[in-house]
């Protein structure tokens, strides 16, 4: 496959990937997501002992929570899914 064609196809797949996830910003969080997100943006600061995820997840949830909007907490799963997409493309190219 030619490199130019590959990047066009990759861009199209990424746009589709992103557009599928975009409506999720207006949905309520699931019960376990809601608990983890609220625990990580609690007024007492970062509560790593309440969230059974790596510390980076709690840190990113707290940054999104400090921005002020509850809907921004959906950015954290989106960032991780974009990272997984990029890693998949990198491994597929090798």
C-alpha atoms as a PDB file:
ATOM      1  CA  UNK A   1       0.000   0.000   0.000  1.00  0.00           C
ATOM      2  CA  UNK A   2       1.321   3.430  -0.921  1.00  0.00           C
ATOM      3  CA  UNK A   3       2.119   5.701   2.054  1.00  0.00           C
ATOM      4  CA  UNK A   4      -0.210   8.450   0.856  1.00  0.00           C
ATOM      5  CA  UNK A   5      -3.105   6.038   0.521  1.00  0.00           C
ATOM      6  CA  UNK A   6      -2.340   4.567   3.945  1.00  0.00           C
ATOM      7  CA  UNK A   7      -2.497   7.973   5.664  1.00  0.00           C
ATOM      8  CA  UNK A   8      -5.753   8.868   3.927  1.00  0.00           C
ATOM      9  CA  UNK A   9      -7.294   5.583   5.018  1.00  0.00           C
ATOM     10  CA  UNK A  10      -5.925   6.028   8.533  1.00  0.00           C
ATOM     11  CA  UNK A  11      -7.393   9.541   8.747  1.00  0.00           C
ATOM     12  CA  UNK A  12     -10.770   8.263   7.600  1.00  0.00           C
ATOM     13  CA  UNK A  13     -10.705   5.440  10.168  1.00  0.00           C
ATOM     14  CA  UNK A  14      -9.673   7.851  12.931  1.00  0.00           C
ATOM     15  CA  UNK A  15     -12.505  10.258  12.091  1.00  0.00           C
ATOM     16  CA  UNK A  16     -14.977   7.384  12.179  1.00  0.00           C
ATOM     17  CA  UNK A  17     -13.407   6.196  15.452  1.00  0.00           C
ATOM     18  CA  UNK A  18     -13.782   9.658  16.989  1.00  0.00           C
ATOM     19  CA  UNK A  19     -17.312  10.299  15.682  1.00  0.00           C
ATOM     20  CA  UNK A  20     -18.551   7.036  17.175  1.00  0.00           C
ATOM     21  CA  UNK A  21     -17.306   8.079  20.609  1.00  0.00           C
ATOM     22  CA  UNK A  22     -18.420  11.702  20.458  1.00  0.00           C
ATOM     23  CA  UNK A  23     -22.107  11.100  21.384  1.00  0.00           C
ATOM     24  CA  UNK A  24     -20.898   9.472  24.617  1.00  0.00           C
ATOM     25  CA  UNK A  25     -20.119  12.913  26.031  1.00  0.00           C
ATOM     26  CA  UNK A  26     -23.835  13.524  26.542  1.00  0.00           C
ATOM     27  CA  UNK A  27     -24.559  10.188  28.187  1.00  0.00           C
ATOM     28  CA  UNK A  28     -24.439   9.622  31.912  1.00  0.00           C
ATOM     29  CA  UNK A  29     -21.521   7.663  33.274  1.00  0.00           C
ATOM     30  CA  UNK A  30     -21.969   4.055  34.302  1.00  0.00           C
ATOM     31  CA  UNK A  31     -22.157   3.327  38.031  1.00  0.00           C
ATOM     32  CA  UNK A  32     -18.537   2.250  38.441  1.00  0.00           C
ATOM     33  CA  UNK A  33     -17.208   5.069  36.229  1.00  0.00           C
ATOM     34  CA  UNK A  34     -19.230   7.602  38.175  1.00  0.00           C
ATOM     35  CA  UNK A  35     -17.845   6.402  41.506  1.00  0.00           C
ATOM     36  CA  UNK A  36     -14.233   6.512  40.283  1.00  0.00           C
ATOM     37  CA  UNK A  37     -14.630   9.904  38.673  1.00  0.00           C
ATOM     38  CA  UNK A  38     -16.311  11.472  41.705  1.00  0.00           C
ATOM     39  CA  UNK A  39     -13.760   9.919  44.069  1.00  0.00           C
ATOM     40  CA  UNK A  40     -10.877  11.325  42.070  1.00  0.00           C
ATOM     41  CA  UNK A  41     -12.251  14.888  41.999  1.00  0.00           C
ATOM     42  CA  UNK A  42     -13.376  14.945  45.625  1.00  0.00           C
ATOM     43  CA  UNK A  43     -12.640  18.161  47.534  1.00  0.00           C
ATOM     44  CA  UNK A  44     -10.174  16.258  49.708  1.00  0.00           C
ATOM     45  CA  UNK A  45      -7.795  15.959  46.780  1.00  0.00           C
ATOM     46  CA  UNK A  46      -6.569  12.922  44.935  1.00  0.00           C
ATOM     47  CA  UNK A  47      -7.881   9.776  46.587  1.00  0.00           C
ATOM     48  CA  UNK A  48      -5.757   7.043  45.062  1.00  0.00           C
ATOM     49  CA  UNK A  49      -6.909   4.418  47.571  1.00  0.00           C
ATOM     50  CA  UNK A  50     -10.554   4.585  46.383  1.00  0.00           C
ATOM     51  CA  UNK A  51      -9.925   4.077  42.675  1.00  0.00           C
ATOM     52  CA  UNK A  52      -8.644   0.655  41.554  1.00  0.00           C
ATOM     53  CA  UNK A  53      -6.818   2.106  38.557  1.00  0.00           C
ATOM     54  CA  UNK A  54      -3.234   3.219  37.972  1.00  0.00           C
ATOM     55  CA  UNK A  55      -2.376   6.646  39.415  1.00  0.00           C
ATOM     56  CA  UNK A  56      -2.319   8.264  35.966  1.00  0.00           C
ATOM     57  CA  UNK A  57      -6.057   7.640  35.603  1.00  0.00           C
ATOM     58  CA  UNK A  58      -6.839   9.331  38.920  1.00  0.00           C
ATOM     59  CA  UNK A  59      -4.538  12.211  38.008  1.00  0.00           C
ATOM     60  CA  UNK A  60      -6.229  12.745  34.634  1.00  0.00           C
ATOM     61  CA  UNK A  61      -9.708  12.529  36.181  1.00  0.00           C
ATOM     62  CA  UNK A  62      -8.685  15.134  38.754  1.00  0.00           C
ATOM     63  CA  UNK A  63      -7.379  17.471  36.037  1.00  0.00           C
ATOM     64  CA  UNK A  64     -10.640  17.125  34.132  1.00  0.00           C
ATOM     65  CA  UNK A  65     -12.592  17.709  37.352  1.00  0.00           C
ATOM     66  CA  UNK A  66     -10.624  20.846  38.153  1.00  0.00           C
ATOM     67  CA  UNK A  67     -11.697  22.281  34.803  1.00  0.00           C
ATOM     68  CA  UNK A  68     -15.161  22.519  36.314  1.00  0.00           C
ATOM     69  CA  UNK A  69     -17.519  20.596  34.085  1.00  0.00           C
ATOM     70  CA  UNK A  70     -18.759  17.126  34.903  1.00  0.00           C
ATOM     71  CA  UNK A  71     -18.942  16.255  31.199  1.00  0.00           C
ATOM     72  CA  UNK A  72     -15.195  16.729  30.828  1.00  0.00           C
ATOM     73  CA  UNK A  73     -14.663  13.534  32.818  1.00  0.00           C
ATOM     74  CA  UNK A  74     -15.515  11.664  29.606  1.00  0.00           C
ATOM     75  CA  UNK A  75     -12.274  12.985  28.083  1.00  0.00           C
ATOM     76  CA  UNK A  76     -10.141  10.548  30.089  1.00  0.00           C
ATOM     77  CA  UNK A  77     -11.522   7.357  28.467  1.00  0.00           C
ATOM     78  CA  UNK A  78     -11.377   9.118  25.100  1.00  0.00           C
ATOM     79  CA  UNK A  79      -7.682   9.930  25.607  1.00  0.00           C
ATOM     80  CA  UNK A  80      -6.911   6.331  26.494  1.00  0.00           C
ATOM     81  CA  UNK A  81      -8.831   5.006  23.483  1.00  0.00           C
ATOM     82  CA  UNK A  82      -6.958   7.398  21.170  1.00  0.00           C
ATOM     83  CA  UNK A  83      -3.687   6.188  22.687  1.00  0.00           C
ATOM     84  CA  UNK A  84      -4.679   2.578  22.050  1.00  0.00           C
ATOM     85  CA  UNK A  85      -5.592   3.491  18.465  1.00  0.00           C
ATOM     86  CA  UNK A  86      -2.172   5.095  17.910  1.00  0.00           C
ATOM     87  CA  UNK A  87      -0.353   2.108  19.425  1.00  0.00           C
ATOM     88  CA  UNK A  88      -2.354  -0.280  17.235  1.00  0.00           C
ATOM     89  CA  UNK A  89      -1.388   1.672  14.120  1.00  0.00           C
ATOM     90  CA  UNK A  90       2.267   1.746  15.175  1.00  0.00           C
ATOM     91  CA  UNK A  91       2.335  -2.011  15.714  1.00  0.00           C
ATOM     92  CA  UNK A  92       0.457  -2.660  12.478  1.00  0.00           C
ATOM     93  CA  UNK A  93       3.019  -0.642  10.506  1.00  0.00           C
ATOM     94  CA  UNK A  94       5.962  -2.728  11.747  1.00  0.00           C
END
